[in-house]
């Protein structure tokens, strides 16, 4: 849509999930930063805002290319996606600084690829669970905490 004159109605696709539509990136462009900072991009975002309540833009890693920094200036907020055990603290801080330098509002972070069993080491961890039962016709939720230990050998 940013390279050639394509209408939104023919580029956007309904998914199997109710009220979820997807607009894919299409073919690679030789100058993506130029395209996403163009007036055509601004017009596309305005058109999307008129049709949808929430628009999520996916971008490449901030440190690798400038795309996400440019996109961040056109959005209400940026959510960082951090890979557990892989993304360094330095990379997170550099990303934060790059986005703040262009006045992008960081609204949160998502930590993905989390492996719970690695969070507490080998000596043990706490496991929380809920038990439900009926008391005088009402559903009551009880929380119980148990400690699980693992062998160190």
N, C-alpha and C. Protein backbone atom coordinates (compact mmCIF):
# COMPACT_ATOMS: atom_id res chain seq x y z
N UNK A 1 0.82 -1.20 0.00
CA UNK A 1 0.00 0.00 0.00
C UNK A 1 0.86 1.26 0.00
N UNK A 2 2.05 1.16 0.57
CA UNK A 2 2.93 2.33 0.61
C UNK A 2 3.74 2.48 -0.66
N UNK A 3 3.93 1.39 -1.42
CA UNK A 3 4.72 1.44 -2.65
C UNK A 3 3.83 1.68 -3.86
N UNK A 4 2.72 0.98 -3.91
CA UNK A 4 1.81 1.13 -5.05
C UNK A 4 0.42 1.49 -4.56
N UNK A 5 -0.43 1.90 -5.45
CA UNK A 5 -1.78 2.32 -5.09
C UNK A 5 -2.69 1.12 -4.91
N UNK A 6 -2.73 0.61 -3.69
CA UNK A 6 -3.61 -0.50 -3.35
C UNK A 6 -4.60 0.01 -2.31
N UNK A 7 -5.85 -0.37 -2.45
CA UNK A 7 -6.87 0.04 -1.48
C UNK A 7 -6.77 -0.83 -0.23
N UNK A 8 -7.08 -0.23 0.92
CA UNK A 8 -7.06 -0.95 2.19
C UNK A 8 -7.97 -2.17 2.13
N UNK A 9 -9.13 -2.02 1.53
CA UNK A 9 -10.10 -3.13 1.48
C UNK A 9 -9.56 -4.38 0.79
N UNK A 10 -8.64 -4.21 -0.14
CA UNK A 10 -8.09 -5.39 -0.82
C UNK A 10 -6.80 -5.88 -0.16
N UNK A 11 -6.20 -5.08 0.71
CA UNK A 11 -4.94 -5.47 1.35
C UNK A 11 -5.13 -6.07 2.74
N UNK A 12 -6.23 -5.74 3.40
CA UNK A 12 -6.45 -6.20 4.77
C UNK A 12 -7.25 -7.51 4.75
N UNK A 13 -6.95 -8.40 5.70
CA UNK A 13 -7.58 -9.72 5.70
C UNK A 13 -8.22 -10.02 7.05
N UNK A 14 -9.45 -10.53 7.00
CA UNK A 14 -10.15 -10.97 8.20
C UNK A 14 -9.55 -12.31 8.63
N UNK A 15 -9.42 -12.51 9.95
CA UNK A 15 -8.89 -13.77 10.46
C UNK A 15 -10.03 -14.61 11.02
N UNK A 16 -9.70 -15.80 11.52
CA UNK A 16 -10.69 -16.68 12.12
C UNK A 16 -11.14 -16.15 13.48
N UNK A 17 -10.39 -15.23 14.06
CA UNK A 17 -10.73 -14.64 15.35
C UNK A 17 -11.68 -13.48 15.10
N UNK A 18 -12.80 -13.46 15.84
CA UNK A 18 -13.77 -12.38 15.67
C UNK A 18 -13.12 -11.02 15.85
N UNK A 19 -13.44 -10.09 14.97
CA UNK A 19 -12.99 -8.70 15.04
C UNK A 19 -11.48 -8.53 14.97
N UNK A 20 -10.77 -9.49 14.38
CA UNK A 20 -9.33 -9.36 14.22
C UNK A 20 -9.00 -9.38 12.73
N UNK A 21 -8.35 -8.33 12.28
CA UNK A 21 -7.95 -8.18 10.89
C UNK A 21 -6.43 -8.04 10.84
N UNK A 22 -5.83 -8.47 9.73
CA UNK A 22 -4.38 -8.40 9.59
C UNK A 22 -4.02 -7.73 8.27
N UNK A 23 -3.05 -6.84 8.35
CA UNK A 23 -2.48 -6.20 7.18
C UNK A 23 -1.00 -6.57 7.20
N UNK A 24 -0.59 -7.43 6.28
CA UNK A 24 0.79 -7.91 6.28
C UNK A 24 1.70 -6.89 5.58
N UNK A 25 2.99 -7.08 5.76
CA UNK A 25 3.94 -6.08 5.25
C UNK A 25 4.11 -6.12 3.74
N UNK A 26 3.83 -7.23 3.11
CA UNK A 26 4.01 -7.30 1.66
C UNK A 26 5.45 -7.56 1.30
N UNK A 27 5.85 -7.14 0.12
CA UNK A 27 7.22 -7.38 -0.35
C UNK A 27 8.20 -6.43 0.34
N UNK A 28 9.44 -6.85 0.40
CA UNK A 28 10.49 -6.01 1.00
C UNK A 28 10.72 -4.78 0.14
N UNK A 29 10.97 -3.69 0.82
CA UNK A 29 11.25 -2.44 0.12
C UNK A 29 12.71 -2.08 0.32
N UNK A 30 13.30 -1.43 -0.65
CA UNK A 30 14.71 -1.06 -0.51
C UNK A 30 14.92 0.06 0.53
N UNK A 31 13.88 0.80 0.83
CA UNK A 31 13.98 1.95 1.73
C UNK A 31 12.83 1.98 2.75
N UNK A 32 12.75 1.01 3.65
CA UNK A 32 11.60 0.92 4.56
C UNK A 32 11.43 2.15 5.47
N UNK A 33 12.50 2.72 5.97
CA UNK A 33 12.37 3.88 6.86
C UNK A 33 11.75 5.06 6.11
N UNK A 34 12.14 5.23 4.88
CA UNK A 34 11.57 6.30 4.06
C UNK A 34 10.08 6.09 3.86
N UNK A 35 9.68 4.84 3.64
CA UNK A 35 8.27 4.52 3.44
C UNK A 35 7.44 4.73 4.70
N UNK A 36 7.94 4.25 5.85
CA UNK A 36 7.13 4.36 7.07
C UNK A 36 7.14 5.76 7.66
N UNK A 37 8.02 6.61 7.17
CA UNK A 37 7.99 8.00 7.62
C UNK A 37 7.29 8.91 6.59
N UNK A 38 6.71 8.30 5.56
CA UNK A 38 6.09 9.07 4.48
C UNK A 38 4.67 9.54 4.83
N UNK A 39 4.19 10.44 4.01
CA UNK A 39 2.81 10.92 4.16
C UNK A 39 1.83 9.80 3.88
N UNK A 40 2.17 8.90 2.98
CA UNK A 40 1.29 7.75 2.69
C UNK A 40 1.07 6.91 3.95
N UNK A 41 2.13 6.72 4.75
CA UNK A 41 2.01 5.95 6.00
C UNK A 41 1.10 6.70 6.97
N UNK A 42 1.30 7.98 7.08
CA UNK A 42 0.45 8.78 7.97
C UNK A 42 -1.02 8.68 7.55
N UNK A 43 -1.27 8.73 6.25
CA UNK A 43 -2.64 8.59 5.73
C UNK A 43 -3.20 7.21 6.01
N UNK A 44 -2.37 6.17 5.85
CA UNK A 44 -2.81 4.80 6.13
C UNK A 44 -3.19 4.66 7.61
N UNK A 45 -2.35 5.17 8.51
CA UNK A 45 -2.66 5.08 9.94
C UNK A 45 -3.95 5.82 10.27
N UNK A 46 -4.16 6.96 9.65
CA UNK A 46 -5.39 7.72 9.87
C UNK A 46 -6.61 6.92 9.40
N UNK A 47 -6.50 6.28 8.25
CA UNK A 47 -7.60 5.46 7.73
C UNK A 47 -7.87 4.27 8.65
N UNK A 48 -6.82 3.64 9.16
CA UNK A 48 -6.98 2.52 10.08
C UNK A 48 -7.64 2.97 11.39
N UNK A 49 -7.25 4.13 11.89
CA UNK A 49 -7.84 4.66 13.13
C UNK A 49 -9.34 4.89 12.99
N UNK A 50 -9.79 5.25 11.80
CA UNK A 50 -11.21 5.48 11.57
C UNK A 50 -12.00 4.17 11.55
N UNK A 51 -11.36 3.07 11.21
CA UNK A 51 -12.05 1.78 11.06
C UNK A 51 -11.89 0.84 12.25
N UNK A 52 -10.83 1.02 13.05
CA UNK A 52 -10.53 0.07 14.12
C UNK A 52 -10.31 0.75 15.45
N UNK A 53 -10.64 0.04 16.53
CA UNK A 53 -10.47 0.56 17.89
C UNK A 53 -9.02 0.49 18.34
N UNK A 54 -8.33 -0.55 17.94
CA UNK A 54 -6.95 -0.78 18.38
C UNK A 54 -6.13 -1.23 17.19
N UNK A 55 -4.96 -0.62 17.03
CA UNK A 55 -4.06 -0.97 15.94
C UNK A 55 -2.71 -1.35 16.55
N UNK A 56 -2.24 -2.55 16.24
CA UNK A 56 -0.93 -3.00 16.71
C UNK A 56 0.01 -3.05 15.52
N UNK A 57 1.16 -2.43 15.66
CA UNK A 57 2.17 -2.45 14.62
C UNK A 57 3.35 -3.29 15.10
N UNK A 58 3.76 -4.24 14.31
CA UNK A 58 4.90 -5.07 14.65
C UNK A 58 6.10 -4.51 13.89
N UNK A 59 7.24 -4.48 14.55
CA UNK A 59 8.43 -3.95 13.89
C UNK A 59 9.64 -4.80 14.23
N UNK A 60 10.71 -4.64 13.46
CA UNK A 60 11.94 -5.37 13.78
C UNK A 60 12.57 -4.82 15.06
N UNK A 61 13.58 -5.51 15.59
CA UNK A 61 14.24 -5.02 16.80
C UNK A 61 14.76 -3.59 16.66
N UNK A 62 14.59 -2.82 17.69
CA UNK A 62 14.93 -1.39 17.67
C UNK A 62 16.42 -1.15 17.39
N UNK A 63 17.27 -1.93 18.00
CA UNK A 63 18.71 -1.70 17.84
C UNK A 63 19.18 -2.09 16.44
N UNK A 64 18.54 -3.08 15.82
CA UNK A 64 18.97 -3.57 14.51
C UNK A 64 18.72 -2.57 13.38
N UNK A 65 17.55 -1.97 13.37
CA UNK A 65 17.17 -1.03 12.31
C UNK A 65 16.35 0.11 12.90
N UNK A 66 16.20 1.17 12.15
CA UNK A 66 15.50 2.37 12.66
C UNK A 66 13.99 2.30 12.53
N UNK A 67 13.44 1.26 11.92
CA UNK A 67 11.99 1.18 11.66
C UNK A 67 11.15 1.43 12.91
N UNK A 68 11.47 0.73 13.99
CA UNK A 68 10.64 0.84 15.19
C UNK A 68 10.74 2.21 15.84
N UNK A 69 11.88 2.86 15.72
CA UNK A 69 12.04 4.21 16.27
C UNK A 69 11.14 5.18 15.50
N UNK A 70 11.14 5.05 14.18
CA UNK A 70 10.28 5.91 13.35
C UNK A 70 8.82 5.61 13.62
N UNK A 71 8.44 4.33 13.68
CA UNK A 71 7.05 3.96 13.96
C UNK A 71 6.60 4.45 15.34
N UNK A 72 7.51 4.39 16.30
CA UNK A 72 7.19 4.82 17.66
C UNK A 72 6.74 6.27 17.74
N UNK A 73 7.22 7.09 16.83
CA UNK A 73 6.82 8.50 16.84
C UNK A 73 5.40 8.71 16.32
N UNK A 74 4.87 7.70 15.63
CA UNK A 74 3.53 7.80 15.05
C UNK A 74 2.47 7.06 15.86
N UNK A 75 2.84 6.54 17.03
CA UNK A 75 1.91 5.73 17.81
C UNK A 75 1.59 6.38 19.16
N UNK A 76 0.56 5.86 19.80
CA UNK A 76 0.20 6.32 21.14
C UNK A 76 1.13 5.73 22.19
N UNK A 77 1.74 4.59 21.89
CA UNK A 77 2.62 3.95 22.85
C UNK A 77 3.36 2.78 22.24
N UNK A 78 4.47 2.42 22.89
CA UNK A 78 5.32 1.32 22.44
C UNK A 78 5.39 0.28 23.54
N UNK A 79 5.24 -0.98 23.16
CA UNK A 79 5.42 -2.10 24.08
C UNK A 79 6.68 -2.83 23.66
N UNK A 80 7.62 -2.96 24.58
CA UNK A 80 8.85 -3.67 24.29
C UNK A 80 8.61 -5.17 24.40
N UNK A 81 9.18 -5.95 23.50
CA UNK A 81 9.12 -7.40 23.58
C UNK A 81 10.54 -7.86 23.90
N UNK A 82 10.67 -8.51 25.06
CA UNK A 82 11.98 -8.91 25.57
C UNK A 82 12.01 -10.43 25.67
N UNK A 83 13.03 -11.04 25.09
CA UNK A 83 13.16 -12.49 25.13
C UNK A 83 13.91 -12.90 26.38
N UNK A 84 13.24 -13.67 27.21
CA UNK A 84 13.82 -14.12 28.48
C UNK A 84 15.11 -14.91 28.26
N UNK A 85 16.14 -14.53 28.99
CA UNK A 85 17.40 -15.24 28.92
C UNK A 85 18.24 -14.92 27.70
N UNK A 86 17.75 -14.11 26.79
CA UNK A 86 18.48 -13.77 25.56
C UNK A 86 18.75 -12.27 25.44
N UNK A 87 17.74 -11.44 25.70
CA UNK A 87 17.92 -10.00 25.55
C UNK A 87 18.71 -9.48 26.74
N UNK A 88 19.80 -8.82 26.46
CA UNK A 88 20.65 -8.32 27.56
C UNK A 88 20.07 -7.04 28.16
N UNK A 89 20.46 -6.78 29.38
CA UNK A 89 20.03 -5.56 30.06
C UNK A 89 20.51 -4.34 29.27
N UNK A 90 21.74 -4.40 28.74
CA UNK A 90 22.27 -3.30 27.92
C UNK A 90 21.38 -3.02 26.71
N UNK A 91 20.94 -4.09 26.03
CA UNK A 91 20.08 -3.93 24.86
C UNK A 91 18.74 -3.28 25.24
N UNK A 92 18.21 -3.68 26.37
CA UNK A 92 16.94 -3.09 26.84
C UNK A 92 17.13 -1.61 27.14
N UNK A 93 18.20 -1.27 27.83
CA UNK A 93 18.47 0.14 28.17
C UNK A 93 18.75 0.97 26.92
N UNK A 94 19.47 0.42 25.95
CA UNK A 94 19.73 1.14 24.69
C UNK A 94 18.43 1.37 23.92
N UNK A 95 17.59 0.35 23.89
CA UNK A 95 16.29 0.47 23.22
C UNK A 95 15.45 1.55 23.89
N UNK A 96 15.40 1.52 25.20
CA UNK A 96 14.64 2.52 25.96
C UNK A 96 15.15 3.93 25.65
N UNK A 97 16.47 4.10 25.63
CA UNK A 97 17.06 5.41 25.35
C UNK A 97 16.73 5.87 23.92
N UNK A 98 16.85 4.97 22.95
CA UNK A 98 16.54 5.32 21.55
C UNK A 98 15.09 5.79 21.41
N UNK A 99 14.18 5.09 22.04
CA UNK A 99 12.76 5.45 21.95
C UNK A 99 12.46 6.75 22.69
N UNK A 100 13.06 6.92 23.85
CA UNK A 100 12.84 8.16 24.61
C UNK A 100 13.44 9.37 23.89
N UNK A 101 14.52 9.18 23.15
CA UNK A 101 15.15 10.29 22.41
C UNK A 101 14.23 10.88 21.34
N UNK A 102 13.28 10.08 20.85
CA UNK A 102 12.33 10.59 19.86
C UNK A 102 10.95 10.80 20.48
N UNK A 103 10.90 10.83 21.80
CA UNK A 103 9.67 11.08 22.57
C UNK A 103 8.59 10.01 22.38
N UNK A 104 9.01 8.78 22.14
CA UNK A 104 8.05 7.67 22.09
C UNK A 104 7.68 7.31 23.53
N UNK A 105 6.43 7.02 23.74
CA UNK A 105 5.96 6.66 25.08
C UNK A 105 6.00 5.14 25.23
N UNK A 106 6.84 4.66 26.14
CA UNK A 106 6.90 3.23 26.41
C UNK A 106 5.80 2.91 27.42
N UNK A 107 4.84 2.07 27.00
CA UNK A 107 3.68 1.78 27.84
C UNK A 107 3.78 0.45 28.57
N UNK A 108 4.78 -0.36 28.21
CA UNK A 108 4.92 -1.64 28.89
C UNK A 108 5.91 -2.53 28.20
N UNK A 109 5.98 -3.76 28.69
CA UNK A 109 6.89 -4.75 28.12
C UNK A 109 6.26 -6.12 28.21
N UNK A 110 6.63 -6.98 27.27
CA UNK A 110 6.21 -8.37 27.26
C UNK A 110 7.48 -9.20 27.36
N UNK A 111 7.49 -10.11 28.31
CA UNK A 111 8.62 -11.02 28.46
C UNK A 111 8.19 -12.36 27.87
N UNK A 112 8.82 -12.76 26.76
CA UNK A 112 8.42 -14.02 26.14
C UNK A 112 9.49 -15.09 26.31
N UNK A 113 9.13 -16.33 25.98
CA UNK A 113 10.01 -17.49 26.12
C UNK A 113 10.49 -17.70 27.55
N UNK A 114 9.61 -17.47 28.51
CA UNK A 114 9.95 -17.66 29.92
C UNK A 114 9.81 -19.14 30.26
N UNK A 115 10.81 -19.69 30.90
CA UNK A 115 10.78 -21.08 31.36
C UNK A 115 10.74 -21.04 32.88
N UNK A 116 9.58 -21.28 33.46
CA UNK A 116 9.35 -21.17 34.89
C UNK A 116 10.34 -22.01 35.69
N UNK A 117 10.66 -23.19 35.19
CA UNK A 117 11.55 -24.07 35.95
C UNK A 117 12.95 -23.49 36.13
N UNK A 118 13.32 -22.51 35.33
CA UNK A 118 14.65 -21.90 35.46
C UNK A 118 14.67 -20.67 36.36
N UNK A 119 13.52 -20.20 36.78
CA UNK A 119 13.47 -18.96 37.53
C UNK A 119 13.99 -19.06 38.95
N UNK A 120 13.87 -20.22 39.59
CA UNK A 120 14.21 -20.34 41.01
C UNK A 120 15.45 -21.19 41.26
N UNK A 121 16.14 -21.58 40.22
CA UNK A 121 17.33 -22.39 40.42
C UNK A 121 17.00 -23.85 40.70
N UNK A 122 17.99 -24.58 41.16
CA UNK A 122 17.82 -26.02 41.35
C UNK A 122 17.32 -26.38 42.74
N UNK A 123 17.31 -25.46 43.67
CA UNK A 123 17.01 -25.82 45.05
C UNK A 123 15.53 -25.89 45.37
N UNK A 124 14.71 -25.38 44.52
CA UNK A 124 13.28 -25.49 44.78
C UNK A 124 12.55 -24.22 44.40
N UNK A 125 11.25 -24.29 44.37
CA UNK A 125 10.45 -23.11 44.09
C UNK A 125 9.07 -23.29 44.70
N UNK A 126 8.37 -22.19 44.74
CA UNK A 126 7.02 -22.22 45.29
C UNK A 126 6.04 -22.40 44.15
N UNK A 127 5.01 -23.16 44.42
CA UNK A 127 3.98 -23.41 43.43
C UNK A 127 2.65 -22.96 44.03
N UNK A 128 1.94 -22.10 43.33
CA UNK A 128 0.64 -21.62 43.80
C UNK A 128 -0.45 -22.29 42.98
N UNK A 129 -1.53 -22.63 43.64
CA UNK A 129 -2.68 -23.14 42.92
C UNK A 129 -3.95 -22.74 43.66
N UNK A 130 -5.07 -22.86 42.95
CA UNK A 130 -6.35 -22.47 43.50
C UNK A 130 -7.25 -23.69 43.62
N UNK A 131 -8.06 -23.73 44.68
CA UNK A 131 -9.01 -24.80 44.89
C UNK A 131 -10.39 -24.15 44.99
N UNK A 132 -11.34 -24.69 44.27
CA UNK A 132 -12.69 -24.14 44.27
C UNK A 132 -13.63 -25.09 45.01
N UNK A 133 -14.55 -24.52 45.74
CA UNK A 133 -15.59 -25.33 46.35
C UNK A 133 -16.84 -24.46 46.53
N UNK A 134 -17.97 -25.12 46.72
CA UNK A 134 -19.22 -24.40 46.86
C UNK A 134 -19.59 -24.31 48.34
N UNK A 135 -19.93 -23.10 48.77
CA UNK A 135 -20.34 -22.86 50.14
C UNK A 135 -21.64 -22.07 50.09
N UNK A 136 -22.73 -22.69 50.47
CA UNK A 136 -24.06 -22.07 50.44
C UNK A 136 -24.39 -21.51 49.06
N UNK A 137 -24.09 -22.30 48.02
CA UNK A 137 -24.44 -21.90 46.66
C UNK A 137 -23.48 -20.93 46.00
N UNK A 138 -22.44 -20.48 46.71
CA UNK A 138 -21.49 -19.54 46.12
C UNK A 138 -20.17 -20.23 45.85
N UNK A 139 -19.55 -19.81 44.80
CA UNK A 139 -18.24 -20.35 44.46
C UNK A 139 -17.19 -19.54 45.22
N UNK A 140 -16.35 -20.22 45.96
CA UNK A 140 -15.32 -19.56 46.76
C UNK A 140 -13.96 -20.04 46.27
N UNK A 141 -13.03 -19.15 46.22
CA UNK A 141 -11.70 -19.50 45.74
C UNK A 141 -10.73 -19.48 46.91
N UNK A 142 -10.02 -20.55 47.09
CA UNK A 142 -9.01 -20.65 48.14
C UNK A 142 -7.65 -20.72 47.49
N UNK A 143 -6.70 -20.08 48.07
CA UNK A 143 -5.34 -20.10 47.55
C UNK A 143 -4.46 -20.90 48.51
N UNK A 144 -3.72 -21.81 47.97
CA UNK A 144 -2.85 -22.61 48.79
C UNK A 144 -1.44 -22.53 48.23
N UNK A 145 -0.48 -22.42 49.10
CA UNK A 145 0.90 -22.33 48.68
C UNK A 145 1.65 -23.57 49.14
N UNK A 146 2.37 -24.17 48.23
CA UNK A 146 3.17 -25.33 48.58
C UNK A 146 4.59 -25.09 48.12
N UNK A 147 5.53 -25.67 48.83
CA UNK A 147 6.91 -25.55 48.42
C UNK A 147 7.35 -26.88 47.84
N UNK A 148 7.91 -26.81 46.64
CA UNK A 148 8.44 -28.00 46.00
C UNK A 148 9.95 -27.90 46.00
N UNK A 149 10.59 -28.97 46.35
CA UNK A 149 12.05 -28.95 46.33
C UNK A 149 12.56 -29.98 45.36
N UNK A 150 13.71 -29.70 44.82
CA UNK A 150 14.34 -30.61 43.88
C UNK A 150 15.66 -31.05 44.49
N UNK A 151 16.08 -32.19 44.11
CA UNK A 151 17.37 -32.70 44.56
C UNK A 151 18.48 -31.89 43.94
N UNK A 152 19.52 -31.65 44.69
CA UNK A 152 20.66 -30.91 44.16
C UNK A 152 21.69 -31.83 43.55
N UNK A 153 21.45 -33.11 43.58
CA UNK A 153 22.40 -34.06 42.98
C UNK A 153 21.84 -34.72 41.78
